[in-house]
PDB file of N, CA and C in Angstrom:
ATOM      1  N   UNK A   1    -118.498   8.787  64.976  1.00  0.00           N
ATOM      2  CA  UNK A   1    -117.466  10.264  66.040  1.00  0.00           C
ATOM      3  C   UNK A   1    -118.068  11.593  64.458  1.00  0.00           C
ATOM      4  N   UNK A   2    -117.599  12.455  64.811  1.00  0.00           N
ATOM      5  CA  UNK A   2    -117.858  13.804  64.232  1.00  0.00           C
ATOM      6  C   UNK A   2    -117.088  14.623  64.962  1.00  0.00           C
ATOM      7  N   UNK A   3    -116.763  14.984  63.398  1.00  0.00           N
ATOM      8  CA  UNK A   3    -115.977  16.768  63.914  1.00  0.00           C
ATOM      9  C   UNK A   3    -115.788  17.771  62.437  1.00  0.00           C
ATOM     10  N   UNK A   4    -115.316  18.454  62.861  1.00  0.00           N
ATOM     11  CA  UNK A   4    -116.364  19.962  62.759  1.00  0.00           C
ATOM     12  C   UNK A   4    -115.620  20.384  60.760  1.00  0.00           C
ATOM     13  N   UNK A   5    -116.408  20.931  60.517  1.00  0.00           N
ATOM     14  CA  UNK A   5    -116.028  21.047  58.754  1.00  0.00           C
ATOM     15  C   UNK A   5    -116.418  22.530  57.723  1.00  0.00           C
ATOM     16  N   UNK A   6    -115.501  22.531  57.526  1.00  0.00           N
ATOM     17  CA  UNK A   6    -115.436  23.563  56.792  1.00  0.00           C
ATOM     18  C   UNK A   6    -116.826  23.188  55.626  1.00  0.00           C
ATOM     19  N   UNK A   7    -116.297  22.701  54.068  1.00  0.00           N
ATOM     20  CA  UNK A   7    -116.762  22.345  53.394  1.00  0.00           C
ATOM     21  C   UNK A   7    -116.359  20.621  53.134  1.00  0.00           C
ATOM     22  N   UNK A   8    -117.504  20.294  52.884  1.00  0.00           N
ATOM     23  CA  UNK A   8    -116.658  18.512  52.247  1.00  0.00           C
ATOM     24  C   UNK A   8    -117.437  18.615  50.556  1.00  0.00           C
ATOM     25  N   UNK A   9    -117.039  17.786  50.104  1.00  0.00           N
ATOM     26  CA  UNK A   9    -117.201  17.387  48.581  1.00  0.00           C
ATOM     27  C   UNK A   9    -117.352  16.321  48.590  1.00  0.00           C
ATOM     28  N   UNK A  10    -117.971  15.967  47.350  1.00  0.00           N
ATOM     29  CA  UNK A  10    -118.720  14.183  46.465  1.00  0.00           C
ATOM     30  C   UNK A  10    -118.667  14.147  45.405  1.00  0.00           C
ATOM     31  N   UNK A  11    -117.725  12.954  44.735  1.00  0.00           N
ATOM     32  CA  UNK A  11    -117.730  13.068  43.394  1.00  0.00           C
ATOM     33  C   UNK A  11    -118.391  12.298  42.954  1.00  0.00           C
ATOM     34  N   UNK A  12    -119.276  12.790  42.006  1.00  0.00           N
ATOM     35  CA  UNK A  12    -120.188  12.149  40.700  1.00  0.00           C
ATOM     36  C   UNK A  12    -119.866  12.854  39.732  1.00  0.00           C
ATOM     37  N   UNK A  13    -121.346  12.019  38.162  1.00  0.00           N
ATOM     38  CA  UNK A  13    -121.059  12.676  37.477  1.00  0.00           C
ATOM     39  C   UNK A  13    -122.622  13.023  36.753  1.00  0.00           C
ATOM     40  N   UNK A  14    -123.087  13.230  35.834  1.00  0.00           N
ATOM     41  CA  UNK A  14    -124.210  14.597  35.250  1.00  0.00           C
ATOM     42  C   UNK A  14    -125.354  13.349  35.416  1.00  0.00           C
ATOM     43  N   UNK A  15    -124.850  12.433  34.814  1.00  0.00           N
ATOM     44  CA  UNK A  15    -126.039  11.267  34.670  1.00  0.00           C
ATOM     45  C   UNK A  15    -126.626  11.189  36.753  1.00  0.00           C
ATOM     46  N   UNK A  16    -126.013  11.183  37.666  1.00  0.00           N
ATOM     47  CA  UNK A  16    -126.908  11.021  38.465  1.00  0.00           C
ATOM     48  C   UNK A  16    -127.259  12.407  38.876  1.00  0.00           C
ATOM     49  N   UNK A  17    -126.652  14.232  38.492  1.00  0.00           N
ATOM     50  CA  UNK A  17    -127.426  14.954  38.342  1.00  0.00           C
ATOM     51  C   UNK A  17    -128.630  15.163  38.595  1.00  0.00           C
ATOM     52  N   UNK A  18    -128.738  14.601  37.180  1.00  0.00           N
ATOM     53  CA  UNK A  18    -130.031  14.378  36.255  1.00  0.00           C
ATOM     54  C   UNK A  18    -130.819  13.761  36.773  1.00  0.00           C
ATOM     55  N   UNK A  19    -131.024  12.333  37.582  1.00  0.00           N
ATOM     56  CA  UNK A  19    -130.950  12.307  38.165  1.00  0.00           C
ATOM     57  C   UNK A  19    -131.564  13.003  40.031  1.00  0.00           C
ATOM     58  N   UNK A  20    -131.535  13.539  39.860  1.00  0.00           N
ATOM     59  CA  UNK A  20    -132.507  14.580  41.389  1.00  0.00           C
ATOM     60  C   UNK A  20    -133.801  14.623  41.086  1.00  0.00           C
ATOM     61  N   UNK A  21    -134.417  14.472  42.280  1.00  0.00           N
ATOM     62  CA  UNK A  21    -135.728  14.643  42.103  1.00  0.00           C
ATOM     63  C   UNK A  21    -136.011  15.679  44.009  1.00  0.00           C
ATOM     64  N   UNK A  22    -136.961  15.898  42.995  1.00  0.00           N
ATOM     65  CA  UNK A  22    -137.006  17.038  44.366  1.00  0.00           C
ATOM     66  C   UNK A  22    -136.171  17.384  45.224  1.00  0.00           C
ATOM     67  N   UNK A  23    -135.135  18.270  44.886  1.00  0.00           N
ATOM     68  CA  UNK A  23    -134.376  18.545  45.611  1.00  0.00           C
ATOM     69  C   UNK A  23    -132.866  17.750  46.157  1.00  0.00           C
ATOM     70  N   UNK A  24    -133.307  16.055  45.994  1.00  0.00           N
ATOM     71  CA  UNK A  24    -132.691  15.862  47.075  1.00  0.00           C
ATOM     72  C   UNK A  24    -131.268  14.082  46.209  1.00  0.00           C
ATOM     73  N   UNK A  25    -130.300  14.607  46.496  1.00  0.00           N
ATOM     74  CA  UNK A  25    -129.247  14.098  45.559  1.00  0.00           C
ATOM     75  C   UNK A  25    -129.259  12.602  46.287  1.00  0.00           C
ATOM     76  N   UNK A  26    -128.738  11.583  45.565  1.00  0.00           N
ATOM     77  CA  UNK A  26    -129.106  10.310  46.063  1.00  0.00           C
ATOM     78  C   UNK A  26    -127.560   9.644  44.463  1.00  0.00           C
ATOM     79  N   UNK A  27    -127.393   8.640  45.659  1.00  0.00           N
ATOM     80  CA  UNK A  27    -126.433   7.752  44.084  1.00  0.00           C
ATOM     81  C   UNK A  27    -126.924   6.071  45.024  1.00  0.00           C
ATOM     82  N   UNK A  28    -125.996   5.721  44.179  1.00  0.00           N
ATOM     83  CA  UNK A  28    -126.086   4.019  44.938  1.00  0.00           C
ATOM     84  C   UNK A  28    -124.740   3.319  45.764  1.00  0.00           C
ATOM     85  N   UNK A  29    -124.142   4.421  46.219  1.00  0.00           N
ATOM     86  CA  UNK A  29    -123.982   3.675  47.884  1.00  0.00           C
ATOM     87  C   UNK A  29    -124.965   4.211  48.813  1.00  0.00           C
ATOM     88  N   UNK A  30    -125.597   4.961  48.130  1.00  0.00           N
ATOM     89  CA  UNK A  30    -126.678   5.802  49.784  1.00  0.00           C
ATOM     90  C   UNK A  30    -127.894   3.695  49.584  1.00  0.00           C
ATOM     91  N   UNK A  31    -128.168   3.349  48.478  1.00  0.00           N
ATOM     92  CA  UNK A  31    -128.497   2.115  48.537  1.00  0.00           C
ATOM     93  C   UNK A  31    -127.697   1.279  48.781  1.00  0.00           C
ATOM     94  N   UNK A  32    -126.561   0.801  48.255  1.00  0.00           N
ATOM     95  CA  UNK A  32    -125.969  -0.369  48.374  1.00  0.00           C
ATOM     96  C   UNK A  32    -125.222  -0.004  49.889  1.00  0.00           C
ATOM     97  N   UNK A  33    -124.735   0.780  50.497  1.00  0.00           N
ATOM     98  CA  UNK A  33    -124.143   1.565  51.769  1.00  0.00           C
ATOM     99  C   UNK A  33    -124.514   1.579  53.089  1.00  0.00           C
ATOM    100  N   UNK A  34    -125.595   2.075  52.528  1.00  0.00           N
ATOM    101  CA  UNK A  34    -126.317   2.827  53.782  1.00  0.00           C
ATOM    102  C   UNK A  34    -125.921   4.529  54.050  1.00  0.00           C
ATOM    103  N   UNK A  35    -124.862   4.797  53.232  1.00  0.00           N
ATOM    104  CA  UNK A  35    -124.444   6.972  53.267  1.00  0.00           C
ATOM    105  C   UNK A  35    -124.155   6.944  52.509  1.00  0.00           C
ATOM    106  N   UNK A  36    -123.679   8.143  51.510  1.00  0.00           N
ATOM    107  CA  UNK A  36    -123.427   8.599  50.708  1.00  0.00           C
ATOM    108  C   UNK A  36    -121.547   8.816  50.560  1.00  0.00           C
ATOM    109  N   UNK A  37    -120.412   8.892  49.983  1.00  0.00           N
ATOM    110  CA  UNK A  37    -119.480   8.755  50.560  1.00  0.00           C
ATOM    111  C   UNK A  37    -118.697  10.124  50.095  1.00  0.00           C
ATOM    112  N   UNK A  38    -118.391  11.085  50.487  1.00  0.00           N
ATOM    113  CA  UNK A  38    -117.864  12.516  50.467  1.00  0.00           C
ATOM    114  C   UNK A  38    -116.604  12.507  50.955  1.00  0.00           C
ATOM    115  N   UNK A  39    -115.725  13.327  50.614  1.00  0.00           N
ATOM    116  CA  UNK A  39    -114.182  14.064  51.213  1.00  0.00           C
ATOM    117  C   UNK A  39    -114.438  15.407  51.701  1.00  0.00           C
ATOM    118  N   UNK A  40    -113.064  15.492  52.202  1.00  0.00           N
ATOM    119  CA  UNK A  40    -112.855  16.712  52.602  1.00  0.00           C
ATOM    120  C   UNK A  40    -111.843  17.022  51.777  1.00  0.00           C
ATOM    121  N   UNK A  41    -111.730  18.368  51.452  1.00  0.00           N
ATOM    122  CA  UNK A  41    -111.086  18.923  50.898  1.00  0.00           C
ATOM    123  C   UNK A  41    -109.312  18.876  50.246  1.00  0.00           C
ATOM    124  N   UNK A  42    -108.827  18.694  51.285  1.00  0.00           N
ATOM    125  CA  UNK A  42    -107.187  17.840  51.068  1.00  0.00           C
ATOM    126  C   UNK A  42    -107.254  16.476  50.863  1.00  0.00           C
ATOM    127  N   UNK A  43    -108.260  15.949  51.000  1.00  0.00           N
ATOM    128  CA  UNK A  43    -108.204  13.900  50.795  1.00  0.00           C
ATOM    129  C   UNK A  43    -108.586  13.797  48.993  1.00  0.00           C
ATOM    130  N   UNK A  44    -109.694  15.102  48.486  1.00  0.00           N
ATOM    131  CA  UNK A  44    -109.988  15.324  47.240  1.00  0.00           C
ATOM    132  C   UNK A  44    -109.071  14.317  45.945  1.00  0.00           C
ATOM    133  N   UNK A  45    -107.662  14.904  46.193  1.00  0.00           N
ATOM    134  CA  UNK A  45    -107.298  13.837  45.348  1.00  0.00           C
ATOM    135  C   UNK A  45    -106.654  12.220  45.311  1.00  0.00           C
ATOM    136  N   UNK A  46    -106.693  12.440  46.541  1.00  0.00           N
ATOM    137  CA  UNK A  46    -105.919  11.054  47.208  1.00  0.00           C
ATOM    138  C   UNK A  46    -107.346  10.013  46.280  1.00  0.00           C
ATOM    139  N   UNK A  47    -108.828  11.268  47.277  1.00  0.00           N
ATOM    140  CA  UNK A  47    -109.681  10.006  46.141  1.00  0.00           C
ATOM    141  C   UNK A  47    -110.073   9.681  44.833  1.00  0.00           C
ATOM    142  N   UNK A  48    -109.727  10.725  43.894  1.00  0.00           N
ATOM    143  CA  UNK A  48    -109.541  10.164  42.292  1.00  0.00           C
ATOM    144  C   UNK A  48    -108.747   9.966  41.858  1.00  0.00           C
ATOM    145  N   UNK A  49    -106.813   9.464  42.735  1.00  0.00           N
ATOM    146  CA  UNK A  49    -106.412   8.584  42.037  1.00  0.00           C
ATOM    147  C   UNK A  49    -106.872   7.506  42.529  1.00  0.00           C
ATOM    148  N   UNK A  50    -106.949   7.432  43.752  1.00  0.00           N
ATOM    149  CA  UNK A  50    -107.868   5.774  44.383  1.00  0.00           C
ATOM    150  C   UNK A  50    -109.074   4.944  43.549  1.00  0.00           C
ATOM    151  N   UNK A  51    -109.545   6.379  43.275  1.00  0.00           N
ATOM    152  CA  UNK A  51    -111.192   5.543  42.107  1.00  0.00           C
ATOM    153  C   UNK A  51    -111.401   5.808  41.113  1.00  0.00           C
ATOM    154  N   UNK A  52    -110.944   6.553  41.133  1.00  0.00           N
ATOM    155  CA  UNK A  52    -111.938   7.050  39.841  1.00  0.00           C
ATOM    156  C   UNK A  52    -110.650   7.544  37.766  1.00  0.00           C
ATOM    157  N   UNK A  53    -109.921   7.253  38.503  1.00  0.00           N
ATOM    158  CA  UNK A  53    -108.401   6.980  37.249  1.00  0.00           C
ATOM    159  C   UNK A  53    -109.350   7.014  35.844  1.00  0.00           C
ATOM    160  N   UNK A  54    -108.678   8.249  35.594  1.00  0.00           N
ATOM    161  CA  UNK A  54    -109.504   6.391  33.713  1.00  0.00           C
ATOM    162  C   UNK A  54    -110.809   7.296  33.584  1.00  0.00           C
ATOM    163  N   UNK A  55    -111.104   8.327  34.383  1.00  0.00           N
ATOM    164  CA  UNK A  55    -112.325   7.948  34.715  1.00  0.00           C
ATOM    165  C   UNK A  55    -112.937  10.288  33.717  1.00  0.00           C
ATOM    166  N   UNK A  56    -113.922  10.019  33.261  1.00  0.00           N
ATOM    167  CA  UNK A  56    -113.969  11.037  32.778  1.00  0.00           C
ATOM    168  C   UNK A  56    -115.083  11.684  32.504  1.00  0.00           C
ATOM    169  N   UNK A  57    -115.762  12.937  33.035  1.00  0.00           N
ATOM    170  CA  UNK A  57    -116.978  14.071  32.693  1.00  0.00           C
ATOM    171  C   UNK A  57    -117.590  14.153  34.578  1.00  0.00           C
ATOM    172  N   UNK A  58    -116.541  13.404  35.494  1.00  0.00           N
ATOM    173  CA  UNK A  58    -115.895  13.968  36.371  1.00  0.00           C
ATOM    174  C   UNK A  58    -117.106  15.106  37.326  1.00  0.00           C
ATOM    175  N   UNK A  59    -117.755  15.522  38.450  1.00  0.00           N
ATOM    176  CA  UNK A  59    -118.600  16.919  38.599  1.00  0.00           C
ATOM    177  C   UNK A  59    -118.117  16.667  40.314  1.00  0.00           C
ATOM    178  N   UNK A  60    -117.523  17.442  40.300  1.00  0.00           N
ATOM    179  CA  UNK A  60    -117.822  17.084  41.796  1.00  0.00           C
ATOM    180  C   UNK A  60    -118.720  18.453  42.892  1.00  0.00           C
ATOM    181  N   UNK A  61    -119.201  17.780  43.342  1.00  0.00           N
ATOM    182  CA  UNK A  61    -120.147  19.072  44.006  1.00  0.00           C
ATOM    183  C   UNK A  61    -119.286  19.603  45.989  1.00  0.00           C
ATOM    184  N   UNK A  62    -119.668  21.018  45.895  1.00  0.00           N
ATOM    185  CA  UNK A  62    -119.212  21.163  47.493  1.00  0.00           C
ATOM    186  C   UNK A  62    -120.479  21.399  47.970  1.00  0.00           C
ATOM    187  N   UNK A  63    -119.930  20.370  49.392  1.00  0.00           N
ATOM    188  CA  UNK A  63    -121.333  20.881  50.034  1.00  0.00           C
ATOM    189  C   UNK A  63    -121.200  21.824  51.320  1.00  0.00           C
ATOM    190  N   UNK A  64    -122.163  22.375  51.682  1.00  0.00           N
ATOM    191  CA  UNK A  64    -121.853  23.231  53.744  1.00  0.00           C
ATOM    192  C   UNK A  64    -123.007  21.903  53.882  1.00  0.00           C
ATOM    193  N   UNK A  65    -121.662  21.308  55.500  1.00  0.00           N
ATOM    194  CA  UNK A  65    -121.872  20.370  56.173  1.00  0.00           C
ATOM    195  C   UNK A  65    -123.356  20.701  56.731  1.00  0.00           C
ATOM    196  N   UNK A  66    -123.480  22.139  57.398  1.00  0.00           N
ATOM    197  CA  UNK A  66    -124.741  22.830  58.188  1.00  0.00           C
ATOM    198  C   UNK A  66    -125.596  22.820  57.219  1.00  0.00           C
ATOM    199  N   UNK A  67    -125.664  22.866  56.286  1.00  0.00           N
ATOM    200  CA  UNK A  67    -127.162  23.405  55.994  1.00  0.00           C
ATOM    201  C   UNK A  67    -127.684  21.573  55.168  1.00  0.00           C
ATOM    202  N   UNK A  68    -127.366  19.557  55.636  1.00  0.00           N
ATOM    203  CA  UNK A  68    -127.988  19.251  55.729  1.00  0.00           C
ATOM    204  C   UNK A  68    -128.538  18.575  56.105  1.00  0.00           C
ATOM    205  N   UNK A  69    -129.370  17.869  55.638  1.00  0.00           N
ATOM    206  CA  UNK A  69    -130.366  17.183  56.422  1.00  0.00           C
ATOM    207  C   UNK A  69    -129.857  16.389  56.610  1.00  0.00           C
ATOM    208  N   UNK A  70    -129.754  14.812  56.297  1.00  0.00           N
ATOM    209  CA  UNK A  70    -129.207  13.825  56.515  1.00  0.00           C
ATOM    210  C   UNK A  70    -127.684  14.507  57.324  1.00  0.00           C
ATOM    211  N   UNK A  71    -128.153  13.235  58.395  1.00  0.00           N
ATOM    212  CA  UNK A  71    -126.780  12.625  59.499  1.00  0.00           C
ATOM    213  C   UNK A  71    -125.379  12.699  58.882  1.00  0.00           C
ATOM    214  N   UNK A  72    -124.511  13.535  59.678  1.00  0.00           N
ATOM    215  CA  UNK A  72    -123.397  13.423  58.676  1.00  0.00           C
ATOM    216  C   UNK A  72    -122.142  12.661  60.078  1.00  0.00           C
ATOM    217  N   UNK A  73    -122.055  11.748  59.380  1.00  0.00           N
ATOM    218  CA  UNK A  73    -119.648  10.836  60.175  1.00  0.00           C
ATOM    219  C   UNK A  73    -119.048  11.275  59.699  1.00  0.00           C
ATOM    220  N   UNK A  74    -118.573  11.122  60.354  1.00  0.00           N
ATOM    221  CA  UNK A  74    -117.239  11.303  60.208  1.00  0.00           C
ATOM    222  C   UNK A  74    -116.304   9.882  60.688  1.00  0.00           C
ATOM    223  N   UNK A  75    -116.287   8.571  59.360  1.00  0.00           N
ATOM    224  CA  UNK A  75    -115.413   7.948  60.434  1.00  0.00           C
ATOM    225  C   UNK A  75    -114.740   6.751  58.343  1.00  0.00           C
ATOM    226  N   UNK A  76    -113.921   5.456  59.069  1.00  0.00           N
ATOM    227  CA  UNK A  76    -113.288   4.753  58.106  1.00  0.00           C
ATOM    228  C   UNK A  76    -113.887   3.578  58.299  1.00  0.00           C
ATOM    229  N   UNK A  77    -114.907   3.290  57.462  1.00  0.00           N
ATOM    230  CA  UNK A  77    -115.379   2.093  57.004  1.00  0.00           C
ATOM    231  C   UNK A  77    -114.917   0.809  57.024  1.00  0.00           C
ATOM    232  N   UNK A  78    -113.353   1.705  56.321  1.00  0.00           N
ATOM    233  CA  UNK A  78    -112.672   0.496  56.400  1.00  0.00           C
ATOM    234  C   UNK A  78    -111.272   0.540  57.024  1.00  0.00           C
ATOM    235  N   UNK A  79    -111.845   0.609  58.361  1.00  0.00           N
ATOM    236  CA  UNK A  79    -110.060   0.932  58.776  1.00  0.00           C
ATOM    237  C   UNK A  79    -109.342   1.464  59.077  1.00  0.00           C
ATOM    238  N   UNK A  80    -108.354   1.652  59.602  1.00  0.00           N
ATOM    239  CA  UNK A  80    -107.346   3.381  59.409  1.00  0.00           C
ATOM    240  C   UNK A  80    -107.712   4.033  59.878  1.00  0.00           C
ATOM    241  N   UNK A  81    -107.088   5.725  60.332  1.00  0.00           N
ATOM    242  CA  UNK A  81    -107.284   5.818  61.144  1.00  0.00           C
ATOM    243  C   UNK A  81    -107.741   7.229  60.681  1.00  0.00           C
ATOM    244  N   UNK A  82    -107.701   8.060  59.021  1.00  0.00           N
ATOM    245  CA  UNK A  82    -107.659   8.687  58.272  1.00  0.00           C
ATOM    246  C   UNK A  82    -109.890   8.845  58.267  1.00  0.00           C
ATOM    247  N   UNK A  83    -109.816   9.908  58.506  1.00  0.00           N
ATOM    248  CA  UNK A  83    -112.224   9.958  58.797  1.00  0.00           C
ATOM    249  C   UNK A  83    -112.472  10.939  57.577  1.00  0.00           C
ATOM    250  N   UNK A  84    -113.362  10.039  56.834  1.00  0.00           N
ATOM    251  CA  UNK A  84    -113.747  10.496  56.185  1.00  0.00           C
ATOM    252  C   UNK A  84    -115.344  10.764  56.475  1.00  0.00           C
ATOM    253  N   UNK A  85    -115.822  12.346  55.305  1.00  0.00           N
ATOM    254  CA  UNK A  85    -117.637  12.143  55.549  1.00  0.00           C
ATOM    255  C   UNK A  85    -118.393  11.218  54.592  1.00  0.00           C
ATOM    256  N   UNK A  86    -118.783  10.833  55.871  1.00  0.00           N
ATOM    257  CA  UNK A  86    -119.717   9.920  55.516  1.00  0.00           C
ATOM    258  C   UNK A  86    -121.252  10.484  55.603  1.00  0.00           C
ATOM    259  N   UNK A  87    -122.272  10.453  54.631  1.00  0.00           N
ATOM    260  CA  UNK A  87    -123.583  11.260  54.816  1.00  0.00           C
ATOM    261  C   UNK A  87    -124.746  10.294  54.616  1.00  0.00           C
ATOM    262  N   UNK A  88    -125.083   9.816  56.311  1.00  0.00           N
ATOM    263  CA  UNK A  88    -126.264   9.062  55.640  1.00  0.00           C
ATOM    264  C   UNK A  88    -127.973   9.601  56.059  1.00  0.00           C
ATOM    265  N   UNK A  89    -128.035   8.961  53.970  1.00  0.00           N
ATOM    266  CA  UNK A  89    -129.247   9.931  53.865  1.00  0.00           C
ATOM    267  C   UNK A  89    -129.127  10.817  52.717  1.00  0.00           C
ATOM    268  N   UNK A  90    -130.244  11.127  52.520  1.00  0.00           N
ATOM    269  CA  UNK A  90    -130.346  12.038  50.292  1.00  0.00           C
ATOM    270  C   UNK A  90    -129.187  13.497  50.555  1.00  0.00           C
ATOM    271  N   UNK A  91    -128.925  13.784  49.776  1.00  0.00           N
ATOM    272  CA  UNK A  91    -127.678  14.891  50.022  1.00  0.00           C
ATOM    273  C   UNK A  91    -129.037  16.397  50.255  1.00  0.00           C
ATOM    274  N   UNK A  92    -129.970  16.709  50.765  1.00  0.00           N
ATOM    275  CA  UNK A  92    -130.758  17.696  50.060  1.00  0.00           C
ATOM    276  C   UNK A  92    -129.809  19.069  49.399  1.00  0.00           C
ATOM    277  N   UNK A  93    -130.129  19.742  48.133  1.00  0.00           N
ATOM    278  CA  UNK A  93    -129.563  20.599  47.317  1.00  0.00           C
ATOM    279  C   UNK A  93    -129.414  21.872  47.729  1.00  0.00           C
ATOM    280  N   UNK A  94    -130.209  22.092  48.482  1.00  0.00           N
ATOM    281  CA  UNK A  94    -129.815  23.371  49.042  1.00  0.00           C
ATOM    282  C   UNK A  94    -128.859  23.802  49.979  1.00  0.00           C
ATOM    283  N   UNK A  95    -127.938  21.935  49.747  1.00  0.00           N
ATOM    284  CA  UNK A  95    -127.061  21.604  50.915  1.00  0.00           C
ATOM    285  C   UNK A  95    -125.647  22.443  49.799  1.00  0.00           C
ATOM    286  N   UNK A  96    -125.829  22.775  48.779  1.00  0.00           N
ATOM    287  CA  UNK A  96    -125.111  21.674  47.331  1.00  0.00           C
ATOM    288  C   UNK A  96    -124.299  24.221  47.149  1.00  0.00           C
ATOM    289  N   UNK A  97    -123.358  24.235  47.675  1.00  0.00           N
ATOM    290  CA  UNK A  97    -123.083  25.086  47.255  1.00  0.00           C
ATOM    291  C   UNK A  97    -122.838  25.618  45.928  1.00  0.00           C
ATOM    292  N   UNK A  98    -122.031  24.248  45.357  1.00  0.00           N
ATOM    293  CA  UNK A  98    -121.545  24.295  43.708  1.00  0.00           C
ATOM    294  C   UNK A  98    -121.669  23.369  43.283  1.00  0.00           C
ATOM    295  N   UNK A  99    -121.101  23.152  41.768  1.00  0.00           N
ATOM    296  CA  UNK A  99    -121.515  21.992  40.914  1.00  0.00           C
ATOM    297  C   UNK A  99    -120.396  22.548  40.279  1.00  0.00           C
ATOM    298  N   UNK A 100    -118.872  21.732  39.637  1.00  0.00           N
ATOM    299  CA  UNK A 100    -118.042  22.162  39.244  1.00  0.00           C
ATOM    300  C   UNK A 100    -117.584  20.752  38.397  1.00  0.00           C
ATOM    301  N   UNK A 101    -117.205  21.178  37.701  1.00  0.00           N
ATOM    302  CA  UNK A 101    -116.325  19.882  36.696  1.00  0.00           C
ATOM    303  C   UNK A 101    -114.840  19.930  37.185  1.00  0.00           C
ATOM    304  N   UNK A 102    -114.422  18.041  36.986  1.00  0.00           N
ATOM    305  CA  UNK A 102    -113.143  18.261  37.421  1.00  0.00           C
ATOM    306  C   UNK A 102    -112.592  17.617  36.360  1.00  0.00           C
ATOM    307  N   UNK A 103    -111.507  19.008  36.837  1.00  0.00           N
ATOM    308  CA  UNK A 103    -110.891  17.974  35.128  1.00  0.00           C
ATOM    309  C   UNK A 103    -109.314  17.002  35.436  1.00  0.00           C
TER     310      UNK A 103
END
């Protein structure tokens, strides 16, 4: 299921950003689950609370979905009604609008 989005967000760390090769970002979930987890702006606080409590040094990628080369799907893979953006492939860094620290 697809949905129109203005921007999507991905939470990562500096080590993952340092590993960017050939302008393509990847992370463990792409290998393990087949996609990169992202969220919409209004979902970001909940994602941080559920999965990143007590973790420091996090970075936020702001992504323009119109510039993604990989397929973007809005879905909920664990059930429920809330849809999350998943990128089925590496994120081309020219789709990344900004990288910022998460406090």
